[in-house]
Amino acid sequence: MRISFLRPSLAGAVALLAWLFGLPPARSARAQSSMHAPPGPAPQTHTEWPPAVDDNMVFRHVLFDQLEGRTTGSGNQLRWDGQGWVGTDMNRLWIKSEGFAGANGVSDGDHEALYDRPIPHTRYFDAQAGVRADVDSNPTRLWAALGVEGLAPYFFNIEPTFYIRDSGRVAGRINGSWDLFVTQRWVVQPHAELNFYSKDDPARQTGSGLSDIDAGIRLRYEVTRKINPYLGWAYDGKYGNSALYTRQSGEATGNSSFVFGLRVWY
């Protein structure tokens, strides 16, 4: 009598635990052996996984922020300022070029090739390192370049860069702009570029200290996001010994110009 009383109690306890933990009820070996497999072919097992998502794709981008004509009434110049990059989210090659072309030749020709990589623990800034070549109608100069480019608070685009070459010559550049959207298509863009040098270079008409400023304001209309004609005003000024060399060559040390051009990107 004791054995027959314990057996149902043990079976009930097992069933209660199975119900509490959501386990399927146990079947006897005889019941399992009596079950038949469902009709149809056995399910196939896939041993090959689909290809992983490619999150290291190569992208490219080209932008001419300034492709414009400048006129002072007595003279005209063509100004270009463009840059482009190719690479992944983490590693990119940047190419930058800017300068002036006029009746007296090409001046302030600056061309750079830079390796670009995001700065850790920052959201909107990249570190850049590479070479700069001053190639125009004046003697060529080569520099090593190290800088930062990114979006500062309040959506200011800023590019401070440090340069060094032989004989301990160093230079610096601060380039900044700001896009103010008046409407969805009309945009006002103030812009300024300042150049500094540690030593005079008479062959290139650059003096020590603050050498020159190129600043202006432009109003553009975005026909499409990629094609933006604009009008504006620009000032190009020389300072210190740069102004002295400019006067000796018979040119004005400061020019206010009406500008008209096209901002394009791809």
C-alpha atoms as a PDB file:
ATOM      1  CA  MET A   1       0.000   0.000   0.000  1.00  0.00           C
ATOM      2  CA  ARG A   2       2.863   2.393   0.706  1.00  0.00           C
ATOM      3  CA  ILE A   3       4.410   1.854  -2.720  1.00  0.00           C
ATOM      4  CA  SER A   4       1.146   2.249  -4.590  1.00  0.00           C
ATOM      5  CA  PHE A   5       0.530   5.522  -2.701  1.00  0.00           C
ATOM      6  CA  LEU A   6       3.977   7.070  -3.431  1.00  0.00           C
ATOM      7  CA  ARG A   7       4.039   6.314  -7.115  1.00  0.00           C
ATOM      8  CA  PRO A   8       1.073   8.505  -8.073  1.00  0.00           C
ATOM      9  CA  SER A   9       2.403  11.278  -5.827  1.00  0.00           C
ATOM     10  CA  LEU A  10       5.840  11.270  -7.545  1.00  0.00           C
ATOM     11  CA  ALA A  11       4.264  11.294 -10.987  1.00  0.00           C
ATOM     12  CA  GLY A  12       2.029  14.183 -10.007  1.00  0.00           C
ATOM     13  CA  ALA A  13       4.981  16.196  -8.647  1.00  0.00           C
ATOM     14  CA  VAL A  14       6.872  15.735 -11.934  1.00  0.00           C
ATOM     15  CA  ALA A  15       3.817  16.819 -13.904  1.00  0.00           C
ATOM     16  CA  LEU A  16       3.369  19.875 -11.682  1.00  0.00           C
ATOM     17  CA  LEU A  17       7.015  20.972 -12.157  1.00  0.00           C
ATOM     18  CA  ALA A  18       6.728  20.477 -15.917  1.00  0.00           C
ATOM     19  CA  TRP A  19       3.614  22.647 -15.980  1.00  0.00           C
ATOM     20  CA  LEU A  20       5.257  25.394 -13.888  1.00  0.00           C
ATOM     21  CA  PHE A  21       8.336  25.647 -16.143  1.00  0.00           C
ATOM     22  CA  GLY A  22       6.409  25.270 -19.379  1.00  0.00           C
ATOM     23  CA  LEU A  23       8.018  21.949 -20.340  1.00  0.00           C
ATOM     24  CA  PRO A  24       6.195  19.553 -22.667  1.00  0.00           C
ATOM     25  CA  PRO A  25       4.676  16.548 -20.923  1.00  0.00           C
ATOM     26  CA  ALA A  26       6.844  13.444 -20.891  1.00  0.00           C
ATOM     27  CA  ARG A  27       5.831  10.629 -23.187  1.00  0.00           C
ATOM     28  CA  SER A  28       6.532   7.029 -22.628  1.00  0.00           C
ATOM     29  CA  ALA A  29       8.949   5.172 -24.831  1.00  0.00           C
ATOM     30  CA  ARG A  30       6.066   3.091 -26.190  1.00  0.00           C
ATOM     31  CA  ALA A  31       4.105   6.220 -27.169  1.00  0.00           C
ATOM     32  CA  GLN A  32       7.191   7.749 -28.826  1.00  0.00           C
ATOM     33  CA  SER A  33       7.902   4.658 -30.815  1.00  0.00           C
ATOM     34  CA  SER A  34       4.322   4.600 -32.076  1.00  0.00           C
ATOM     35  CA  MET A  35       4.600   8.105 -33.566  1.00  0.00           C
ATOM     36  CA  HIS A  36       5.278   8.280 -37.267  1.00  0.00           C
ATOM     37  CA  ALA A  37       7.260  10.979 -39.146  1.00  0.00           C
ATOM     38  CA  PRO A  38       5.118  13.448 -41.091  1.00  0.00           C
ATOM     39  CA  PRO A  39       4.725  12.758 -44.792  1.00  0.00           C
ATOM     40  CA  GLY A  40       6.969  14.511 -47.337  1.00  0.00           C
ATOM     41  CA  PRO A  41      10.719  14.970 -47.741  1.00  0.00           C
ATOM     42  CA  ALA A  42      12.884  15.655 -44.732  1.00  0.00           C
ATOM     43  CA  PRO A  43      13.738  19.360 -44.199  1.00  0.00           C
ATOM     44  CA  GLN A  44      17.056  20.401 -45.673  1.00  0.00           C
ATOM     45  CA  THR A  45      19.759  22.017 -43.545  1.00  0.00           C
ATOM     46  CA  HIS A  46      21.533  25.032 -45.046  1.00  0.00           C
ATOM     47  CA  THR A  47      25.233  24.977 -44.316  1.00  0.00           C
ATOM     48  CA  GLU A  48      26.066  28.213 -46.235  1.00  0.00           C
ATOM     49  CA  TRP A  49      25.242  31.581 -44.666  1.00  0.00           C
ATOM     50  CA  PRO A  50      24.356  34.582 -46.861  1.00  0.00           C
ATOM     51  CA  PRO A  51      27.223  37.026 -47.506  1.00  0.00           C
ATOM     52  CA  ALA A  52      27.919  39.527 -44.727  1.00  0.00           C
ATOM     53  CA  VAL A  53      26.898  43.156 -45.116  1.00  0.00           C
ATOM     54  CA  ASP A  54      29.726  45.186 -46.702  1.00  0.00           C
ATOM     55  CA  ASP A  55      30.170  48.053 -44.231  1.00  0.00           C
ATOM     56  CA  ASN A  56      33.594  49.072 -45.563  1.00  0.00           C
ATOM     57  CA  MET A  57      32.580  50.380 -48.975  1.00  0.00           C
ATOM     58  CA  VAL A  58      34.643  52.885 -50.967  1.00  0.00           C
ATOM     59  CA  PHE A  59      32.952  56.254 -51.605  1.00  0.00           C
ATOM     60  CA  ARG A  60      34.026  59.407 -53.463  1.00  0.00           C
ATOM     61  CA  HIS A  61      33.077  63.068 -53.377  1.00  0.00           C
ATOM     62  CA  VAL A  62      34.195  66.154 -55.354  1.00  0.00           C
ATOM     63  CA  LEU A  63      33.272  69.740 -54.428  1.00  0.00           C
ATOM     64  CA  PHE A  64      34.159  73.092 -56.003  1.00  0.00           C
ATOM     65  CA  ASP A  65      33.108  75.529 -53.314  1.00  0.00           C
ATOM     66  CA  GLN A  66      34.400  78.456 -55.364  1.00  0.00           C
ATOM     67  CA  LEU A  67      34.548  78.454 -59.156  1.00  0.00           C
ATOM     68  CA  GLU A  68      34.132  82.114 -59.898  1.00  0.00           C
ATOM     69  CA  GLY A  69      35.081  85.210 -61.779  1.00  0.00           C
ATOM     70  CA  ARG A  70      36.176  88.304 -59.870  1.00  0.00           C
ATOM     71  CA  THR A  71      36.115  91.824 -61.231  1.00  0.00           C
ATOM     72  CA  THR A  72      37.309  95.065 -59.672  1.00  0.00           C
ATOM     73  CA  GLY A  73      36.239  97.200 -62.629  1.00  0.00           C
ATOM     74  CA  SER A  74      39.812  97.586 -63.817  1.00  0.00           C
ATOM     75  CA  GLY A  75      40.819  93.909 -63.841  1.00  0.00           C
ATOM     76  CA  ASN A  76      39.429  90.404 -63.845  1.00  0.00           C
ATOM     77  CA  GLN A  77      40.528  87.155 -62.229  1.00  0.00           C
ATOM     78  CA  LEU A  78      39.434  83.552 -62.110  1.00  0.00           C
ATOM     79  CA  ARG A  79      39.343  81.992 -58.642  1.00  0.00           C
ATOM     80  CA  TRP A  80      39.032  78.276 -57.932  1.00  0.00           C
ATOM     81  CA  ASP A  81      38.855  76.431 -54.624  1.00  0.00           C
ATOM     82  CA  GLY A  82      37.975  72.756 -54.743  1.00  0.00           C
ATOM     83  CA  GLN A  83      38.548  69.477 -52.975  1.00  0.00           C
ATOM     84  CA  GLY A  84      37.664  65.836 -53.323  1.00  0.00           C
ATOM     85  CA  TRP A  85      38.161  62.556 -51.516  1.00  0.00           C
ATOM     86  CA  VAL A  86      37.963  58.841 -52.096  1.00  0.00           C
ATOM     87  CA  GLY A  87      37.968  56.074 -49.491  1.00  0.00           C
ATOM     88  CA  THR A  88      36.008  54.416 -46.713  1.00  0.00           C
ATOM     89  CA  ASP A  89      34.476  55.844 -43.553  1.00  0.00           C
ATOM     90  CA  MET A  90      37.790  55.392 -41.721  1.00  0.00           C
ATOM     91  CA  ASN A  91      40.504  55.946 -44.356  1.00  0.00           C
ATOM     92  CA  ARG A  92      40.408  58.520 -47.131  1.00  0.00           C
ATOM     93  CA  LEU A  93      42.670  60.266 -49.632  1.00  0.00           C
ATOM     94  CA  TRP A  94      41.921  63.983 -49.946  1.00  0.00           C
ATOM     95  CA  ILE A  95      42.986  66.219 -52.848  1.00  0.00           C
ATOM     96  CA  LYS A  96      42.693  69.991 -52.436  1.00  0.00           C
ATOM     97  CA  SER A  97      43.484  72.762 -54.907  1.00  0.00           C
ATOM     98  CA  GLU A  98      43.032  76.536 -54.992  1.00  0.00           C
ATOM     99  CA  GLY A  99      44.476  79.592 -56.688  1.00  0.00           C
ATOM    100  CA  PHE A 100      43.997  82.632 -58.927  1.00  0.00           C
ATOM    101  CA  ALA A 101      44.419  82.951 -62.686  1.00  0.00           C
ATOM    102  CA  GLY A 102      44.635  86.352 -64.364  1.00  0.00           C
ATOM    103  CA  ALA A 103      46.381  88.401 -67.005  1.00  0.00           C
ATOM    104  CA  ASN A 104      49.702  88.148 -65.104  1.00  0.00           C
ATOM    105  CA  GLY A 105      49.577  84.343 -64.797  1.00  0.00           C
ATOM    106  CA  VAL A 106      48.630  81.988 -61.994  1.00  0.00           C
ATOM    107  CA  SER A 107      49.190  83.008 -58.355  1.00  0.00           C
ATOM    108  CA  ASP A 108      48.628  81.485 -54.911  1.00  0.00           C
ATOM    109  CA  GLY A 109      48.460  78.017 -56.438  1.00  0.00           C
ATOM    110  CA  ASP A 110      48.122  75.565 -53.561  1.00  0.00           C
ATOM    111  CA  HIS A 111      47.682  71.832 -54.158  1.00  0.00           C
ATOM    112  CA  GLU A 112      47.539  69.218 -51.383  1.00  0.00           C
ATOM    113  CA  ALA A 113      47.360  65.429 -51.107  1.00  0.00           C
ATOM    114  CA  LEU A 114      46.342  64.293 -47.614  1.00  0.00           C
ATOM    115  CA  TYR A 115      45.578  61.092 -45.729  1.00  0.00           C
ATOM    116  CA  ASP A 116      42.424  61.570 -43.679  1.00  0.00           C
ATOM    117  CA  ARG A 117      41.142  59.634 -40.657  1.00  0.00           C
ATOM    118  CA  PRO A 118      38.494  60.432 -38.002  1.00  0.00           C
ATOM    119  CA  ILE A 119      39.832  61.618 -34.656  1.00  0.00           C
ATOM    120  CA  PRO A 120      38.876  59.187 -31.844  1.00  0.00           C
ATOM    121  CA  HIS A 121      36.260  60.380 -29.330  1.00  0.00           C
ATOM    122  CA  THR A 122      35.190  63.299 -31.554  1.00  0.00           C
ATOM    123  CA  ARG A 123      32.088  63.344 -33.692  1.00  0.00           C
ATOM    124  CA  TYR A 124      32.741  65.737 -36.540  1.00  0.00           C
ATOM    125  CA  PHE A 125      36.515  66.210 -36.952  1.00  0.00           C
ATOM    126  CA  ASP A 126      39.131  64.382 -39.015  1.00  0.00           C
ATOM    127  CA  ALA A 127      42.927  64.529 -38.775  1.00  0.00           C
ATOM    128  CA  GLN A 128      44.797  65.034 -42.037  1.00  0.00           C
ATOM    129  CA  ALA A 129      48.464  64.598 -42.941  1.00  0.00           C
ATOM    130  CA  GLY A 130      50.289  64.738 -46.250  1.00  0.00           C
ATOM    131  CA  VAL A 131      52.069  67.107 -48.618  1.00  0.00           C
ATOM    132  CA  ARG A 132      51.409  70.533 -50.095  1.00  0.00           C
ATOM    133  CA  ALA A 133      52.882  71.852 -53.340  1.00  0.00           C
ATOM    134  CA  ASP A 134      52.837  75.555 -54.231  1.00  0.00           C
ATOM    135  CA  VAL A 135      52.735  75.334 -58.029  1.00  0.00           C
ATOM    136  CA  ASP A 136      51.914  78.435 -60.092  1.00  0.00           C
ATOM    137  CA  SER A 137      53.795  81.105 -62.055  1.00  0.00           C
ATOM    138  CA  ASN A 138      56.222  81.610 -59.136  1.00  0.00           C
ATOM    139  CA  PRO A 139      58.926  79.197 -57.887  1.00  0.00           C
ATOM    140  CA  THR A 140      57.617  75.878 -56.596  1.00  0.00           C
ATOM    141  CA  ARG A 141      57.670  75.073 -52.883  1.00  0.00           C
ATOM    142  CA  LEU A 142      56.992  71.739 -51.151  1.00  0.00           C
ATOM    143  CA  TRP A 143      55.660  71.415 -47.607  1.00  0.00           C
ATOM    144  CA  ALA A 144      54.695  68.702 -45.170  1.00  0.00           C
ATOM    145  CA  ALA A 145      51.126  69.269 -43.966  1.00  0.00           C
ATOM    146  CA  LEU A 146      49.280  68.396 -40.755  1.00  0.00           C
ATOM    147  CA  GLY A 147      45.789  69.653 -40.018  1.00  0.00           C
ATOM    148  CA  VAL A 148      42.238  69.160 -38.869  1.00  0.00           C
ATOM    149  CA  GLU A 149      38.998  69.513 -40.791  1.00  0.00           C
ATOM    150  CA  GLY A 150      35.460  69.325 -39.500  1.00  0.00           C
ATOM    151  CA  LEU A 151      32.226  70.876 -38.383  1.00  0.00           C
ATOM    152  CA  ALA A 152      32.465  73.065 -35.281  1.00  0.00           C
ATOM    153  CA  PRO A 153      29.497  73.958 -33.031  1.00  0.00           C
ATOM    154  CA  TYR A 154      26.828  76.113 -34.707  1.00  0.00           C
ATOM    155  CA  PHE A 155      27.731  74.451 -38.050  1.00  0.00           C
ATOM    156  CA  PHE A 156      30.960  76.307 -38.770  1.00  0.00           C
ATOM    157  CA  ASN A 157      33.192  74.515 -41.272  1.00  0.00           C
ATOM    158  CA  ILE A 158      36.796  74.981 -40.154  1.00  0.00           C
ATOM    159  CA  GLU A 159      40.166  73.787 -41.523  1.00  0.00           C
ATOM    160  CA  PRO A 160      43.267  74.810 -39.534  1.00  0.00           C
ATOM    161  CA  THR A 161      46.458  73.407 -41.097  1.00  0.00           C
ATOM    162  CA  PHE A 162      50.138  73.549 -40.117  1.00  0.00           C
ATOM    163  CA  TYR A 163      52.958  73.320 -42.714  1.00  0.00           C
ATOM    164  CA  ILE A 164      56.727  72.839 -42.466  1.00  0.00           C
ATOM    165  CA  ARG A 165      59.536  72.610 -45.017  1.00  0.00           C
ATOM    166  CA  ASP A 166      63.320  72.846 -45.237  1.00  0.00           C
ATOM    167  CA  SER A 167      65.382  75.482 -43.383  1.00  0.00           C
ATOM    168  CA  GLY A 168      62.933  75.436 -40.485  1.00  0.00           C
ATOM    169  CA  ARG A 169      60.259  77.343 -42.368  1.00  0.00           C
ATOM    170  CA  VAL A 170      56.757  76.896 -41.047  1.00  0.00           C
ATOM    171  CA  ALA A 171      53.398  78.208 -42.185  1.00  0.00           C
ATOM    172  CA  GLY A 172      49.806  78.087 -41.054  1.00  0.00           C
ATOM    173  CA  ARG A 173      46.388  78.457 -42.577  1.00  0.00           C
ATOM    174  CA  ILE A 174      42.946  78.932 -41.064  1.00  0.00           C
ATOM    175  CA  ASN A 175      40.059  78.389 -43.435  1.00  0.00           C
ATOM    176  CA  GLY A 176      36.452  78.744 -42.306  1.00  0.00           C
ATOM    177  CA  SER A 177      32.935  79.189 -43.660  1.00  0.00           C
ATOM    178  CA  TRP A 178      29.339  79.096 -42.503  1.00  0.00           C
ATOM    179  CA  ASP A 179      26.180  78.232 -44.453  1.00  0.00           C
ATOM    180  CA  LEU A 180      23.146  80.244 -43.360  1.00  0.00           C
ATOM    181  CA  PHE A 181      19.961  78.906 -44.933  1.00  0.00           C
ATOM    182  CA  VAL A 182      17.589  81.836 -45.488  1.00  0.00           C
ATOM    183  CA  THR A 183      15.146  79.454 -47.183  1.00  0.00           C
ATOM    184  CA  GLN A 184      15.410  75.871 -48.410  1.00  0.00           C
ATOM    185  CA  ARG A 185      17.167  77.131 -51.561  1.00  0.00           C
ATOM    186  CA  TRP A 186      18.670  80.550 -50.762  1.00  0.00           C
ATOM    187  CA  VAL A 187      21.914  80.286 -48.771  1.00  0.00           C
ATOM    188  CA  VAL A 188      24.235  83.015 -47.477  1.00  0.00           C
ATOM    189  CA  GLN A 189      27.860  81.898 -46.997  1.00  0.00           C
ATOM    190  CA  PRO A 190      30.457  84.064 -45.225  1.00  0.00           C
ATOM    191  CA  HIS A 191      33.998  82.772 -45.811  1.00  0.00           C
ATOM    192  CA  ALA A 192      37.519  83.686 -44.706  1.00  0.00           C
ATOM    193  CA  GLU A 193      41.039  82.319 -45.230  1.00  0.00           C
ATOM    194  CA  LEU A 194      44.134  83.563 -43.391  1.00  0.00           C
ATOM    195  CA  ASN A 195      47.745  82.573 -44.179  1.00  0.00           C
ATOM    196  CA  PHE A 196      50.773  82.939 -41.887  1.00  0.00           C
ATOM    197  CA  TYR A 197      54.518  82.373 -42.511  1.00  0.00           C
ATOM    198  CA  SER A 198      57.504  82.264 -40.171  1.00  0.00           C
ATOM    199  CA  LYS A 199      60.013  83.709 -42.676  1.00  0.00           C
ATOM    200  CA  ASP A 200      60.019  85.940 -45.734  1.00  0.00           C
ATOM    201  CA  ASP A 201      60.066  84.375 -49.191  1.00  0.00           C
ATOM    202  CA  PRO A 202      60.602  87.220 -51.683  1.00  0.00           C
ATOM    203  CA  ALA A 203      60.511  84.861 -54.683  1.00  0.00           C
ATOM    204  CA  ARG A 204      56.898  84.032 -53.869  1.00  0.00           C
ATOM    205  CA  GLN A 205      56.101  87.505 -52.479  1.00  0.00           C
ATOM    206  CA  THR A 206      55.182  86.185 -49.045  1.00  0.00           C
ATOM    207  CA  GLY A 207      56.294  87.866 -45.830  1.00  0.00           C
ATOM    208  CA  SER A 208      56.546  86.704 -42.237  1.00  0.00           C
ATOM    209  CA  GLY A 209      53.597  86.971 -39.887  1.00  0.00           C
ATOM    210  CA  LEU A 210      50.102  87.424 -41.271  1.00  0.00           C
ATOM    211  CA  SER A 211      50.687  87.308 -45.018  1.00  0.00           C
ATOM    212  CA  ASP A 212      47.269  87.582 -46.650  1.00  0.00           C
ATOM    213  CA  ILE A 213      43.533  87.338 -46.162  1.00  0.00           C
ATOM    214  CA  ASP A 214      40.914  86.227 -48.628  1.00  0.00           C
ATOM    215  CA  ALA A 215      37.381  86.829 -47.328  1.00  0.00           C
ATOM    216  CA  GLY A 216      33.923  87.425 -48.676  1.00  0.00           C
ATOM    217  CA  ILE A 217      30.233  86.725 -48.565  1.00  0.00           C
ATOM    218  CA  ARG A 218      28.187  84.933 -51.217  1.00  0.00           C
ATOM    219  CA  LEU A 219      24.487  84.454 -51.832  1.00  0.00           C
ATOM    220  CA  ARG A 220      23.722  81.264 -53.735  1.00  0.00           C
ATOM    221  CA  TYR A 221      20.594  79.643 -55.073  1.00  0.00           C
ATOM    222  CA  GLU A 222      20.365  75.864 -55.038  1.00  0.00           C
ATOM    223  CA  VAL A 223      18.840  75.006 -58.407  1.00  0.00           C
ATOM    224  CA  THR A 224      19.589  71.457 -57.319  1.00  0.00           C
ATOM    225  CA  ARG A 225      21.622  70.330 -54.335  1.00  0.00           C
ATOM    226  CA  LYS A 226      24.574  69.823 -56.680  1.00  0.00           C
ATOM    227  CA  ILE A 227      24.382  73.003 -58.790  1.00  0.00           C
ATOM    228  CA  ASN A 228      24.379  76.385 -57.025  1.00  0.00           C
ATOM    229  CA  PRO A 229      24.999  79.647 -58.942  1.00  0.00           C
ATOM    230  CA  TYR A 230      25.909  82.585 -56.732  1.00  0.00           C
ATOM    231  CA  LEU A 231      26.779  86.273 -56.523  1.00  0.00           C
ATOM    232  CA  GLY A 232      28.791  88.045 -53.878  1.00  0.00           C
ATOM    233  CA  TRP A 233      31.609  90.257 -52.710  1.00  0.00           C
ATOM    234  CA  ALA A 234      35.216  89.323 -51.879  1.00  0.00           C
ATOM    235  CA  TYR A 235      38.254  91.052 -50.428  1.00  0.00           C
ATOM    236  CA  ASP A 236      41.859  89.965 -51.080  1.00  0.00           C
ATOM    237  CA  GLY A 237      44.438  91.755 -48.937  1.00  0.00           C
ATOM    238  CA  LYS A 238      48.222  91.555 -48.374  1.00  0.00           C
ATOM    239  CA  TYR A 239      49.917  92.473 -45.079  1.00  0.00           C
ATOM    240  CA  GLY A 240      53.420  92.998 -43.676  1.00  0.00           C
ATOM    241  CA  ASN A 241      56.261  92.259 -46.037  1.00  0.00           C
ATOM    242  CA  SER A 242      53.802  90.547 -48.387  1.00  0.00           C
ATOM    243  CA  ALA A 243      52.237  93.952 -48.957  1.00  0.00           C
ATOM    244  CA  LEU A 244      55.741  95.429 -49.509  1.00  0.00           C
ATOM    245  CA  TYR A 245      56.571  92.852 -52.202  1.00  0.00           C
ATOM    246  CA  THR A 246      53.189  93.415 -53.843  1.00  0.00           C
ATOM    247  CA  ARG A 247      53.706  97.173 -54.028  1.00  0.00           C
ATOM    248  CA  GLN A 248      57.189  96.674 -55.490  1.00  0.00           C
ATOM    249  CA  SER A 249      55.676  94.611 -58.296  1.00  0.00           C
ATOM    250  CA  GLY A 250      53.244  97.435 -59.091  1.00  0.00           C
ATOM    251  CA  GLU A 251      50.098  95.731 -57.812  1.00  0.00           C
ATOM    252  CA  ALA A 252      47.495  96.814 -55.289  1.00  0.00           C
ATOM    253  CA  THR A 253      47.770  95.389 -51.771  1.00  0.00           C
ATOM    254  CA  GLY A 254      43.991  95.154 -51.326  1.00  0.00           C
ATOM    255  CA  ASN A 255      41.208  94.457 -53.799  1.00  0.00           C
ATOM    256  CA  SER A 256      37.451  94.492 -53.341  1.00  0.00           C
ATOM    257  CA  SER A 257      35.762  92.467 -56.034  1.00  0.00           C
ATOM    258  CA  PHE A 258      32.309  91.625 -57.277  1.00  0.00           C
ATOM    259  CA  VAL A 259      32.157  87.845 -57.705  1.00  0.00           C
ATOM    260  CA  PHE A 260      29.881  85.578 -59.707  1.00  0.00           C
ATOM    261  CA  GLY A 261      30.293  81.852 -59.999  1.00  0.00           C
ATOM    262  CA  LEU A 262      29.072  78.330 -59.543  1.00  0.00           C
ATOM    263  CA  ARG A 263      29.270  75.942 -56.604  1.00  0.00           C
ATOM    264  CA  VAL A 264      29.086  72.343 -57.794  1.00  0.00           C
ATOM    265  CA  TRP A 265      29.619  68.939 -56.216  1.00  0.00           C
ATOM    266  CA  TYR A 266      29.425  65.310 -57.200  1.00  0.00           C
END
